[in-house]
């Protein structure tokens, strides 16, 4: 959903179900589709990133603190959205509810 934002380097935060193993300083590869590949499909890498912050956080905080929610929607690559809109979109595509704890991952882009 955010491939273009990643390519344009306008996304600096992502949220994931799970991913509790991550820590600051981990280097990751952004990719178009990393899971659910069909036989013969290959991973399309977008670029390397380094994790600068990682913490558990429910989506409810994007609603409880509207200014924070707005800033987070921008960091997620959706400058046209508010926190409650981003939270609703996330739940629609990723499941769970507002109180489900997600892993918030903040990152910086690395030169290739």
PDB file of N, CA and C in Angstrom:
ATOM      1  N   UNK A   1       0.806  -1.212   0.000  1.00  0.00           N
ATOM      2  CA  UNK A   1       0.000   0.000   0.000  1.00  0.00           C
ATOM      3  C   UNK A   1       0.846   1.272   0.000  1.00  0.00           C
ATOM      4  N   UNK A   2       2.107   1.157   0.401  1.00  0.00           N
ATOM      5  CA  UNK A   2       2.922   2.368   0.510  1.00  0.00           C
ATOM      6  C   UNK A   2       4.195   2.281  -0.329  1.00  0.00           C
ATOM      7  N   UNK A   3       4.150   1.507  -1.392  1.00  0.00           N
ATOM      8  CA  UNK A   3       5.329   1.366  -2.248  1.00  0.00           C
ATOM      9  C   UNK A   3       5.776   2.712  -2.809  1.00  0.00           C
ATOM     10  N   UNK A   4       4.848   3.499  -3.298  1.00  0.00           N
ATOM     11  CA  UNK A   4       5.225   4.784  -3.891  1.00  0.00           C
ATOM     12  C   UNK A   4       5.800   5.737  -2.848  1.00  0.00           C
ATOM     13  N   UNK A   5       5.216   5.747  -1.649  1.00  0.00           N
ATOM     14  CA  UNK A   5       5.748   6.594  -0.580  1.00  0.00           C
ATOM     15  C   UNK A   5       7.177   6.185  -0.228  1.00  0.00           C
ATOM     16  N   UNK A   6       7.431   4.877  -0.223  1.00  0.00           N
ATOM     17  CA  UNK A   6       8.779   4.394   0.072  1.00  0.00           C
ATOM     18  C   UNK A   6       9.734   4.829  -1.034  1.00  0.00           C
ATOM     19  N   UNK A   7       9.325   4.652  -2.273  1.00  0.00           N
ATOM     20  CA  UNK A   7      10.178   5.050  -3.405  1.00  0.00           C
ATOM     21  C   UNK A   7      10.487   6.547  -3.379  1.00  0.00           C
ATOM     22  N   UNK A   8       9.507   7.356  -3.009  1.00  0.00           N
ATOM     23  CA  UNK A   8       9.679   8.808  -2.961  1.00  0.00           C
ATOM     24  C   UNK A   8      10.338   9.271  -1.651  1.00  0.00           C
ATOM     25  N   UNK A   9      10.554   8.327  -0.758  1.00  0.00           N
ATOM     26  CA  UNK A   9      11.128   8.587   0.570  1.00  0.00           C
ATOM     27  C   UNK A   9      10.342   9.645   1.342  1.00  0.00           C
ATOM     28  N   UNK A  10       9.011   9.475   1.310  1.00  0.00           N
ATOM     29  CA  UNK A  10       8.126  10.337   2.088  1.00  0.00           C
ATOM     30  C   UNK A  10       7.485   9.572   3.241  1.00  0.00           C
ATOM     31  N   UNK A  11       7.903   8.346   3.449  1.00  0.00           N
ATOM     32  CA  UNK A  11       7.414   7.489   4.536  1.00  0.00           C
ATOM     33  C   UNK A  11       8.571   7.246   5.495  1.00  0.00           C
ATOM     34  N   UNK A  12       8.326   7.490   6.797  1.00  0.00           N
ATOM     35  CA  UNK A  12       9.381   7.343   7.796  1.00  0.00           C
ATOM     36  C   UNK A  12       8.961   6.482   8.974  1.00  0.00           C
ATOM     37  N   UNK A  13       7.710   6.048   8.984  1.00  0.00           N
ATOM     38  CA  UNK A  13       7.174   5.204  10.043  1.00  0.00           C
ATOM     39  C   UNK A  13       6.309   4.143   9.388  1.00  0.00           C
ATOM     40  N   UNK A  14       6.353   2.953   9.955  1.00  0.00           N
ATOM     41  CA  UNK A  14       5.447   1.894   9.520  1.00  0.00           C
ATOM     42  C   UNK A  14       4.972   1.149  10.758  1.00  0.00           C
ATOM     43  N   UNK A  15       3.834   0.535  10.654  1.00  0.00           N
ATOM     44  CA  UNK A  15       3.287  -0.259  11.747  1.00  0.00           C
ATOM     45  C   UNK A  15       3.105  -1.682  11.264  1.00  0.00           C
ATOM     46  N   UNK A  16       3.425  -2.627  12.135  1.00  0.00           N
ATOM     47  CA  UNK A  16       3.335  -4.032  11.789  1.00  0.00           C
ATOM     48  C   UNK A  16       2.670  -4.809  12.919  1.00  0.00           C
ATOM     49  N   UNK A  17       1.937  -5.839  12.537  1.00  0.00           N
ATOM     50  CA  UNK A  17       1.462  -6.819  13.501  1.00  0.00           C
ATOM     51  C   UNK A  17       2.659  -7.730  13.792  1.00  0.00           C
ATOM     52  N   UNK A  18       2.966  -7.913  15.045  1.00  0.00           N
ATOM     53  CA  UNK A  18       4.147  -8.706  15.395  1.00  0.00           C
ATOM     54  C   UNK A  18       5.401  -7.870  15.321  1.00  0.00           C
ATOM     55  N   UNK A  19       6.448  -8.403  14.743  1.00  0.00           N
ATOM     56  CA  UNK A  19       7.738  -7.732  14.575  1.00  0.00           C
ATOM     57  C   UNK A  19       8.318  -7.259  15.905  1.00  0.00           C
ATOM     58  N   UNK A  20       8.035  -7.955  16.984  1.00  0.00           N
ATOM     59  CA  UNK A  20       8.518  -7.559  18.305  1.00  0.00           C
ATOM     60  C   UNK A  20      10.009  -7.809  18.482  1.00  0.00           C
ATOM     61  N   UNK A  21      10.623  -8.514  17.544  1.00  0.00           N
ATOM     62  CA  UNK A  21      12.048  -8.849  17.611  1.00  0.00           C
ATOM     63  C   UNK A  21      12.943  -7.693  17.179  1.00  0.00           C
ATOM     64  N   UNK A  22      12.384  -6.694  16.489  1.00  0.00           N
ATOM     65  CA  UNK A  22      13.193  -5.589  15.960  1.00  0.00           C
ATOM     66  C   UNK A  22      13.823  -4.773  17.070  1.00  0.00           C
ATOM     67  N   UNK A  23      14.983  -4.194  16.760  1.00  0.00           N
ATOM     68  CA  UNK A  23      15.624  -3.279  17.699  1.00  0.00           C
ATOM     69  C   UNK A  23      16.278  -2.144  16.922  1.00  0.00           C
ATOM     70  N   UNK A  24      16.531  -1.069  17.631  1.00  0.00           N
ATOM     71  CA  UNK A  24      17.188   0.097  17.041  1.00  0.00           C
ATOM     72  C   UNK A  24      18.511  -0.340  16.427  1.00  0.00           C
ATOM     73  N   UNK A  25      18.770   0.149  15.213  1.00  0.00           N
ATOM     74  CA  UNK A  25      20.012  -0.185  14.521  1.00  0.00           C
ATOM     75  C   UNK A  25      19.879  -1.326  13.526  1.00  0.00           C
ATOM     76  N   UNK A  26      18.781  -2.077  13.585  1.00  0.00           N
ATOM     77  CA  UNK A  26      18.573  -3.155  12.605  1.00  0.00           C
ATOM     78  C   UNK A  26      18.444  -2.551  11.205  1.00  0.00           C
ATOM     79  N   UNK A  27      19.055  -3.207  10.236  1.00  0.00           N
ATOM     80  CA  UNK A  27      18.971  -2.784   8.837  1.00  0.00           C
ATOM     81  C   UNK A  27      18.029  -3.739   8.116  1.00  0.00           C
ATOM     82  N   UNK A  28      17.077  -3.173   7.394  1.00  0.00           N
ATOM     83  CA  UNK A  28      16.059  -3.960   6.684  1.00  0.00           C
ATOM     84  C   UNK A  28      16.028  -3.561   5.218  1.00  0.00           C
ATOM     85  N   UNK A  29      15.468  -4.435   4.406  1.00  0.00           N
ATOM     86  CA  UNK A  29      15.215  -4.140   3.002  1.00  0.00           C
ATOM     87  C   UNK A  29      13.725  -3.892   2.819  1.00  0.00           C
ATOM     88  N   UNK A  30      13.372  -2.722   2.303  1.00  0.00           N
ATOM     89  CA  UNK A  30      11.995  -2.488   1.913  1.00  0.00           C
ATOM     90  C   UNK A  30      11.752  -3.243   0.618  1.00  0.00           C
ATOM     91  N   UNK A  31      10.564  -3.810   0.478  1.00  0.00           N
ATOM     92  CA  UNK A  31      10.254  -4.545  -0.753  1.00  0.00           C
ATOM     93  C   UNK A  31       8.777  -4.391  -1.085  1.00  0.00           C
ATOM     94  N   UNK A  32       8.448  -4.670  -2.331  1.00  0.00           N
ATOM     95  CA  UNK A  32       7.068  -4.526  -2.796  1.00  0.00           C
ATOM     96  C   UNK A  32       6.179  -5.571  -2.140  1.00  0.00           C
ATOM     97  N   UNK A  33       6.620  -6.806  -2.141  1.00  0.00           N
ATOM     98  CA  UNK A  33       5.825  -7.893  -1.579  1.00  0.00           C
ATOM     99  C   UNK A  33       6.801  -8.931  -1.053  1.00  0.00           C
ATOM    100  N   UNK A  34       6.896  -9.027   0.259  1.00  0.00           N
ATOM    101  CA  UNK A  34       7.886  -9.934   0.844  1.00  0.00           C
ATOM    102  C   UNK A  34       7.270 -11.255   1.301  1.00  0.00           C
ATOM    103  N   UNK A  35       5.972 -11.274   1.495  1.00  0.00           N
ATOM    104  CA  UNK A  35       5.308 -12.497   1.958  1.00  0.00           C
ATOM    105  C   UNK A  35       4.230 -12.883   0.957  1.00  0.00           C
ATOM    106  N   UNK A  36       3.901 -14.154   0.928  1.00  0.00           N
ATOM    107  CA  UNK A  36       2.839 -14.626   0.053  1.00  0.00           C
ATOM    108  C   UNK A  36       3.232 -14.691  -1.405  1.00  0.00           C
ATOM    109  N   UNK A  37       4.538 -14.827  -1.660  1.00  0.00           N
ATOM    110  CA  UNK A  37       4.985 -14.948  -3.051  1.00  0.00           C
ATOM    111  C   UNK A  37       4.565 -16.303  -3.621  1.00  0.00           C
ATOM    112  N   UNK A  38       4.144 -16.294  -4.861  1.00  0.00           N
ATOM    113  CA  UNK A  38       3.777 -17.530  -5.549  1.00  0.00           C
ATOM    114  C   UNK A  38       5.038 -18.186  -6.101  1.00  0.00           C
ATOM    115  N   UNK A  39       4.990 -19.470  -6.372  1.00  0.00           N
ATOM    116  CA  UNK A  39       6.168 -20.131  -6.938  1.00  0.00           C
ATOM    117  C   UNK A  39       6.674 -19.392  -8.181  1.00  0.00           C
ATOM    118  N   UNK A  40       7.967 -19.123  -8.200  1.00  0.00           N
ATOM    119  CA  UNK A  40       8.572 -18.425  -9.326  1.00  0.00           C
ATOM    120  C   UNK A  40       8.648 -16.914  -9.164  1.00  0.00           C
ATOM    121  N   UNK A  41       7.832 -16.346  -8.269  1.00  0.00           N
ATOM    122  CA  UNK A  41       7.883 -14.898  -8.038  1.00  0.00           C
ATOM    123  C   UNK A  41       9.139 -14.547  -7.249  1.00  0.00           C
ATOM    124  N   UNK A  42       9.680 -13.380  -7.535  1.00  0.00           N
ATOM    125  CA  UNK A  42      10.877 -12.917  -6.832  1.00  0.00           C
ATOM    126  C   UNK A  42      10.565 -11.647  -6.062  1.00  0.00           C
ATOM    127  N   UNK A  43      11.317 -11.442  -4.989  1.00  0.00           N
ATOM    128  CA  UNK A  43      11.164 -10.231  -4.188  1.00  0.00           C
ATOM    129  C   UNK A  43      11.700  -9.037  -4.968  1.00  0.00           C
ATOM    130  N   UNK A  44      10.911  -7.968  -5.024  1.00  0.00           N
ATOM    131  CA  UNK A  44      11.350  -6.716  -5.639  1.00  0.00           C
ATOM    132  C   UNK A  44      11.779  -5.767  -4.527  1.00  0.00           C
ATOM    133  N   UNK A  45      13.077  -5.610  -4.384  1.00  0.00           N
ATOM    134  CA  UNK A  45      13.623  -4.752  -3.326  1.00  0.00           C
ATOM    135  C   UNK A  45      13.501  -3.278  -3.712  1.00  0.00           C
ATOM    136  N   UNK A  46      13.157  -2.453  -2.718  1.00  0.00           N
ATOM    137  CA  UNK A  46      13.003  -1.021  -2.932  1.00  0.00           C
ATOM    138  C   UNK A  46      14.185  -0.219  -2.377  1.00  0.00           C
ATOM    139  N   UNK A  47      14.827  -0.724  -1.353  1.00  0.00           N
ATOM    140  CA  UNK A  47      15.937  -0.008  -0.746  1.00  0.00           C
ATOM    141  C   UNK A  47      16.128  -0.418   0.699  1.00  0.00           C
ATOM    142  N   UNK A  48      17.279  -0.037   1.226  1.00  0.00           N
ATOM    143  CA  UNK A  48      17.608  -0.385   2.603  1.00  0.00           C
ATOM    144  C   UNK A  48      17.254   0.755   3.550  1.00  0.00           C
ATOM    145  N   UNK A  49      16.833   0.349   4.751  1.00  0.00           N
ATOM    146  CA  UNK A  49      16.507   1.302   5.809  1.00  0.00           C
ATOM    147  C   UNK A  49      17.155   0.833   7.104  1.00  0.00           C
ATOM    148  N   UNK A  50      17.327   1.768   8.023  1.00  0.00           N
ATOM    149  CA  UNK A  50      17.817   1.434   9.357  1.00  0.00           C
ATOM    150  C   UNK A  50      16.752   1.858  10.366  1.00  0.00           C
ATOM    151  N   UNK A  51      16.481   0.983  11.324  1.00  0.00           N
ATOM    152  CA  UNK A  51      15.489   1.252  12.362  1.00  0.00           C
ATOM    153  C   UNK A  51      16.094   2.238  13.366  1.00  0.00           C
ATOM    154  N   UNK A  52      15.389   3.352  13.606  1.00  0.00           N
ATOM    155  CA  UNK A  52      15.859   4.342  14.578  1.00  0.00           C
ATOM    156  C   UNK A  52      15.020   4.346  15.856  1.00  0.00           C
ATOM    157  N   UNK A  53      13.822   3.755  15.796  1.00  0.00           N
ATOM    158  CA  UNK A  53      12.977   3.635  16.983  1.00  0.00           C
ATOM    159  C   UNK A  53      11.975   2.519  16.744  1.00  0.00           C
ATOM    160  N   UNK A  54      11.718   1.757  17.768  1.00  0.00           N
ATOM    161  CA  UNK A  54      10.718   0.691  17.674  1.00  0.00           C
ATOM    162  C   UNK A  54      10.037   0.558  19.029  1.00  0.00           C
ATOM    163  N   UNK A  55       8.689   0.504  18.998  1.00  0.00           N
ATOM    164  CA  UNK A  55       7.954   0.391  20.252  1.00  0.00           C
ATOM    165  C   UNK A  55       6.550  -0.144  19.992  1.00  0.00           C
ATOM    166  N   UNK A  56       5.969  -0.789  20.985  1.00  0.00           N
ATOM    167  CA  UNK A  56       4.577  -1.229  20.854  1.00  0.00           C
ATOM    168  C   UNK A  56       3.643  -0.049  21.063  1.00  0.00           C
ATOM    169  N   UNK A  57       2.533  -0.068  20.309  1.00  0.00           N
ATOM    170  CA  UNK A  57       1.605   1.059  20.403  1.00  0.00           C
ATOM    171  C   UNK A  57       0.260   0.652  19.790  1.00  0.00           C
ATOM    172  N   UNK A  58      -0.845   0.896  20.478  1.00  0.00           N
ATOM    173  CA  UNK A  58      -2.158   0.653  19.863  1.00  0.00           C
ATOM    174  C   UNK A  58      -2.541   1.830  18.963  1.00  0.00           C
ATOM    175  N   UNK A  59      -3.383   1.574  17.984  1.00  0.00           N
ATOM    176  CA  UNK A  59      -3.851   2.635  17.096  1.00  0.00           C
ATOM    177  C   UNK A  59      -4.723   3.656  17.819  1.00  0.00           C
ATOM    178  N   UNK A  60      -5.295   3.259  18.938  1.00  0.00           N
ATOM    179  CA  UNK A  60      -6.169   4.160  19.694  1.00  0.00           C
ATOM    180  C   UNK A  60      -5.474   5.480  20.028  1.00  0.00           C
ATOM    181  N   UNK A  61      -4.153   5.444  20.229  1.00  0.00           N
ATOM    182  CA  UNK A  61      -3.444   6.689  20.585  1.00  0.00           C
ATOM    183  C   UNK A  61      -3.468   7.705  19.438  1.00  0.00           C
ATOM    184  N   UNK A  62      -3.664   7.243  18.200  1.00  0.00           N
ATOM    185  CA  UNK A  62      -3.772   8.166  17.069  1.00  0.00           C
ATOM    186  C   UNK A  62      -5.072   8.968  17.129  1.00  0.00           C
ATOM    187  N   UNK A  63      -6.033   8.426  17.840  1.00  0.00           N
ATOM    188  CA  UNK A  63      -7.335   9.078  18.000  1.00  0.00           C
ATOM    189  C   UNK A  63      -7.369   9.887  19.302  1.00  0.00           C
ATOM    190  N   UNK A  64      -6.827   9.300  20.367  1.00  0.00           N
ATOM    191  CA  UNK A  64      -6.826   9.975  21.672  1.00  0.00           C
ATOM    192  C   UNK A  64      -6.022  11.267  21.649  1.00  0.00           C
ATOM    193  N   UNK A  65      -4.959  11.295  20.859  1.00  0.00           N
ATOM    194  CA  UNK A  65      -4.095  12.472  20.752  1.00  0.00           C
ATOM    195  C   UNK A  65      -4.101  12.933  19.297  1.00  0.00           C
ATOM    196  N   UNK A  66      -5.078  13.748  18.901  1.00  0.00           N
ATOM    197  CA  UNK A  66      -5.260  14.128  17.493  1.00  0.00           C
ATOM    198  C   UNK A  66      -4.036  14.751  16.820  1.00  0.00           C
ATOM    199  N   UNK A  67      -3.290  15.580  17.527  1.00  0.00           N
ATOM    200  CA  UNK A  67      -2.105  16.179  16.907  1.00  0.00           C
ATOM    201  C   UNK A  67      -1.071  15.100  16.622  1.00  0.00           C
ATOM    202  N   UNK A  68      -0.865  14.198  17.590  1.00  0.00           N
ATOM    203  CA  UNK A  68       0.047  13.071  17.379  1.00  0.00           C
ATOM    204  C   UNK A  68      -0.449  12.214  16.204  1.00  0.00           C
ATOM    205  N   UNK A  69      -1.746  11.942  16.161  1.00  0.00           N
ATOM    206  CA  UNK A  69      -2.320  11.141  15.077  1.00  0.00           C
ATOM    207  C   UNK A  69      -2.090  11.767  13.717  1.00  0.00           C
ATOM    208  N   UNK A  70      -2.247  13.064  13.644  1.00  0.00           N
ATOM    209  CA  UNK A  70      -2.020  13.775  12.375  1.00  0.00           C
ATOM    210  C   UNK A  70      -0.557  13.678  11.958  1.00  0.00           C
ATOM    211  N   UNK A  71       0.352  13.878  12.905  1.00  0.00           N
ATOM    212  CA  UNK A  71       1.787  13.783  12.605  1.00  0.00           C
ATOM    213  C   UNK A  71       2.157  12.362  12.167  1.00  0.00           C
ATOM    214  N   UNK A  72       1.572  11.376  12.821  1.00  0.00           N
ATOM    215  CA  UNK A  72       1.878   9.988  12.480  1.00  0.00           C
ATOM    216  C   UNK A  72       1.360   9.621  11.083  1.00  0.00           C
ATOM    217  N   UNK A  73       0.179  10.116  10.717  1.00  0.00           N
ATOM    218  CA  UNK A  73      -0.345   9.858   9.372  1.00  0.00           C
ATOM    219  C   UNK A  73       0.619  10.423   8.329  1.00  0.00           C
ATOM    220  N   UNK A  74       1.160  11.605   8.596  1.00  0.00           N
ATOM    221  CA  UNK A  74       2.131  12.215   7.680  1.00  0.00           C
ATOM    222  C   UNK A  74       3.385  11.347   7.605  1.00  0.00           C
ATOM    223  N   UNK A  75       3.915  10.929   8.765  1.00  0.00           N
ATOM    224  CA  UNK A  75       5.123  10.092   8.793  1.00  0.00           C
ATOM    225  C   UNK A  75       4.896   8.741   8.122  1.00  0.00           C
ATOM    226  N   UNK A  76       3.657   8.267   8.132  1.00  0.00           N
ATOM    227  CA  UNK A  76       3.319   7.002   7.476  1.00  0.00           C
ATOM    228  C   UNK A  76       3.208   7.160   5.954  1.00  0.00           C
ATOM    229  N   UNK A  77       3.256   8.395   5.477  1.00  0.00           N
ATOM    230  CA  UNK A  77       3.198   8.639   4.042  1.00  0.00           C
ATOM    231  C   UNK A  77       1.830   9.049   3.534  1.00  0.00           C
ATOM    232  N   UNK A  78       0.943   9.454   4.443  1.00  0.00           N
ATOM    233  CA  UNK A  78      -0.414   9.855   4.083  1.00  0.00           C
ATOM    234  C   UNK A  78      -0.692  11.272   4.593  1.00  0.00           C
ATOM    235  N   UNK A  79      -0.093  12.292   3.957  1.00  0.00           N
ATOM    236  CA  UNK A  79      -0.241  13.664   4.451  1.00  0.00           C
ATOM    237  C   UNK A  79      -1.658  14.219   4.340  1.00  0.00           C
ATOM    238  N   UNK A  80      -2.497  13.565   3.575  1.00  0.00           N
ATOM    239  CA  UNK A  80      -3.879  14.023   3.415  1.00  0.00           C
ATOM    240  C   UNK A  80      -4.800  13.480   4.508  1.00  0.00           C
ATOM    241  N   UNK A  81      -4.295  12.584   5.355  1.00  0.00           N
ATOM    242  CA  UNK A  81      -5.133  11.934   6.370  1.00  0.00           C
ATOM    243  C   UNK A  81      -4.899  12.485   7.764  1.00  0.00           C
ATOM    244  N   UNK A  82      -5.893  12.239   8.606  1.00  0.00           N
ATOM    245  CA  UNK A  82      -5.788  12.472  10.040  1.00  0.00           C
ATOM    246  C   UNK A  82      -5.622  11.109  10.706  1.00  0.00           C
ATOM    247  N   UNK A  83      -5.241  11.129  11.971  1.00  0.00           N
ATOM    248  CA  UNK A  83      -4.963   9.885  12.683  1.00  0.00           C
ATOM    249  C   UNK A  83      -6.113   8.892  12.671  1.00  0.00           C
ATOM    250  N   UNK A  84      -7.329   9.385  12.887  1.00  0.00           N
ATOM    251  CA  UNK A  84      -8.476   8.473  12.911  1.00  0.00           C
ATOM    252  C   UNK A  84      -8.713   7.839  11.539  1.00  0.00           C
ATOM    253  N   UNK A  85      -8.434   8.582  10.473  1.00  0.00           N
ATOM    254  CA  UNK A  85      -8.598   8.034   9.118  1.00  0.00           C
ATOM    255  C   UNK A  85      -7.533   6.972   8.838  1.00  0.00           C
ATOM    256  N   UNK A  86      -6.300   7.259   9.240  1.00  0.00           N
ATOM    257  CA  UNK A  86      -5.240   6.282   9.046  1.00  0.00           C
ATOM    258  C   UNK A  86      -5.535   5.009   9.845  1.00  0.00           C
ATOM    259  N   UNK A  87      -5.970   5.163  11.102  1.00  0.00           N
ATOM    260  CA  UNK A  87      -6.287   4.006  11.938  1.00  0.00           C
ATOM    261  C   UNK A  87      -7.374   3.143  11.297  1.00  0.00           C
ATOM    262  N   UNK A  88      -8.418   3.771  10.774  1.00  0.00           N
ATOM    263  CA  UNK A  88      -9.502   3.027  10.121  1.00  0.00           C
ATOM    264  C   UNK A  88      -9.002   2.281   8.890  1.00  0.00           C
ATOM    265  N   UNK A  89      -8.156   2.936   8.090  1.00  0.00           N
ATOM    266  CA  UNK A  89      -7.599   2.285   6.906  1.00  0.00           C
ATOM    267  C   UNK A  89      -6.716   1.102   7.301  1.00  0.00           C
ATOM    268  N   UNK A  90      -5.902   1.290   8.330  1.00  0.00           N
ATOM    269  CA  UNK A  90      -5.007   0.227   8.779  1.00  0.00           C
ATOM    270  C   UNK A  90      -5.810  -0.996   9.217  1.00  0.00           C
ATOM    271  N   UNK A  91      -6.828  -0.772  10.028  1.00  0.00           N
ATOM    272  CA  UNK A  91      -7.658  -1.879  10.512  1.00  0.00           C
ATOM    273  C   UNK A  91      -8.357  -2.577   9.351  1.00  0.00           C
ATOM    274  N   UNK A  92      -8.842  -1.819   8.392  1.00  0.00           N
ATOM    275  CA  UNK A  92      -9.517  -2.406   7.227  1.00  0.00           C
ATOM    276  C   UNK A  92      -8.592  -3.377   6.484  1.00  0.00           C
ATOM    277  N   UNK A  93      -7.325  -3.003   6.343  1.00  0.00           N
ATOM    278  CA  UNK A  93      -6.388  -3.814   5.566  1.00  0.00           C
ATOM    279  C   UNK A  93      -5.614  -4.835   6.394  1.00  0.00           C
ATOM    280  N   UNK A  94      -5.415  -4.546   7.679  1.00  0.00           N
ATOM    281  CA  UNK A  94      -4.558  -5.412   8.499  1.00  0.00           C
ATOM    282  C   UNK A  94      -5.293  -6.140   9.614  1.00  0.00           C
ATOM    283  N   UNK A  95      -6.559  -5.799   9.842  1.00  0.00           N
ATOM    284  CA  UNK A  95      -7.340  -6.472  10.871  1.00  0.00           C
ATOM    285  C   UNK A  95      -7.098  -5.917  12.266  1.00  0.00           C
ATOM    286  N   UNK A  96      -7.692  -6.583  13.226  1.00  0.00           N
ATOM    287  CA  UNK A  96      -7.577  -6.155  14.611  1.00  0.00           C
ATOM    288  C   UNK A  96      -8.534  -5.025  14.929  1.00  0.00           C
ATOM    289  N   UNK A  97      -8.244  -4.332  16.013  1.00  0.00           N
ATOM    290  CA  UNK A  97      -9.061  -3.193  16.409  1.00  0.00           C
ATOM    291  C   UNK A  97      -8.160  -2.091  16.959  1.00  0.00           C
ATOM    292  N   UNK A  98      -8.759  -1.041  17.453  1.00  0.00           N
ATOM    293  CA  UNK A  98      -7.984   0.107  17.913  1.00  0.00           C
ATOM    294  C   UNK A  98      -7.087  -0.216  19.105  1.00  0.00           C
ATOM    295  N   UNK A  99      -7.476  -1.201  19.911  1.00  0.00           N
ATOM    296  CA  UNK A  99      -6.694  -1.537  21.101  1.00  0.00           C
ATOM    297  C   UNK A  99      -5.636  -2.602  20.849  1.00  0.00           C
ATOM    298  N   UNK A 100      -5.627  -3.190  19.655  1.00  0.00           N
ATOM    299  CA  UNK A 100      -4.608  -4.188  19.327  1.00  0.00           C
ATOM    300  C   UNK A 100      -3.246  -3.508  19.294  1.00  0.00           C
ATOM    301  N   UNK A 101      -2.305  -4.059  20.036  1.00  0.00           N
ATOM    302  CA  UNK A 101      -0.967  -3.476  20.067  1.00  0.00           C
ATOM    303  C   UNK A 101      -0.231  -3.786  18.762  1.00  0.00           C
ATOM    304  N   UNK A 102       0.303  -2.763  18.142  1.00  0.00           N
ATOM    305  CA  UNK A 102       1.083  -2.890  16.902  1.00  0.00           C
ATOM    306  C   UNK A 102       2.517  -2.499  17.216  1.00  0.00           C
ATOM    307  N   UNK A 103       3.419  -2.887  16.340  1.00  0.00           N
ATOM    308  CA  UNK A 103       4.800  -2.445  16.486  1.00  0.00           C
ATOM    309  C   UNK A 103       4.996  -1.232  15.589  1.00  0.00           C
ATOM    310  N   UNK A 104       5.308  -0.096  16.207  1.00  0.00           N
ATOM    311  CA  UNK A 104       5.584   1.138  15.476  1.00  0.00           C
ATOM    312  C   UNK A 104       7.077   1.176  15.194  1.00  0.00           C
ATOM    313  N   UNK A 105       7.436   1.265  13.918  1.00  0.00           N
ATOM    314  CA  UNK A 105       8.831   1.229  13.485  1.00  0.00           C
ATOM    315  C   UNK A 105       9.150   2.543  12.781  1.00  0.00           C
ATOM    316  N   UNK A 106      10.080   3.300  13.341  1.00  0.00           N
ATOM    317  CA  UNK A 106      10.552   4.526  12.697  1.00  0.00           C
ATOM    318  C   UNK A 106      11.900   4.209  12.067  1.00  0.00           C
ATOM    319  N   UNK A 107      12.129   4.718  10.862  1.00  0.00           N
ATOM    320  CA  UNK A 107      13.345   4.350  10.132  1.00  0.00           C
ATOM    321  C   UNK A 107      13.894   5.516   9.336  1.00  0.00           C
ATOM    322  N   UNK A 108      15.127   5.355   8.895  1.00  0.00           N
ATOM    323  CA  UNK A 108      15.777   6.293   7.983  1.00  0.00           C
ATOM    324  C   UNK A 108      16.237   5.503   6.772  1.00  0.00           C
ATOM    325  N   UNK A 109      16.293   6.156   5.648  1.00  0.00           N
ATOM    326  CA  UNK A 109      16.742   5.530   4.404  1.00  0.00           C
ATOM    327  C   UNK A 109      18.265   5.505   4.357  1.00  0.00           C
ATOM    328  N   UNK A 110      18.801   4.421   3.834  1.00  0.00           N
ATOM    329  CA  UNK A 110      20.241   4.280   3.652  1.00  0.00           C
ATOM    330  C   UNK A 110      20.597   4.457   2.178  1.00  0.00           C
ATOM    331  N   UNK A 111      21.743   5.004   1.912  1.00  0.00           N
ATOM    332  CA  UNK A 111      22.242   5.107   0.534  1.00  0.00           C
ATOM    333  C   UNK A 111      22.546   3.701   0.033  1.00  0.00           C
ATOM    334  N   UNK A 112      22.237   3.439  -1.220  1.00  0.00           N
ATOM    335  CA  UNK A 112      22.581   2.114  -1.802  1.00  0.00           C
ATOM    336  C   UNK A 112      24.009   2.085  -2.254  1.00  0.00           C
TER     337      UNK A 112
END
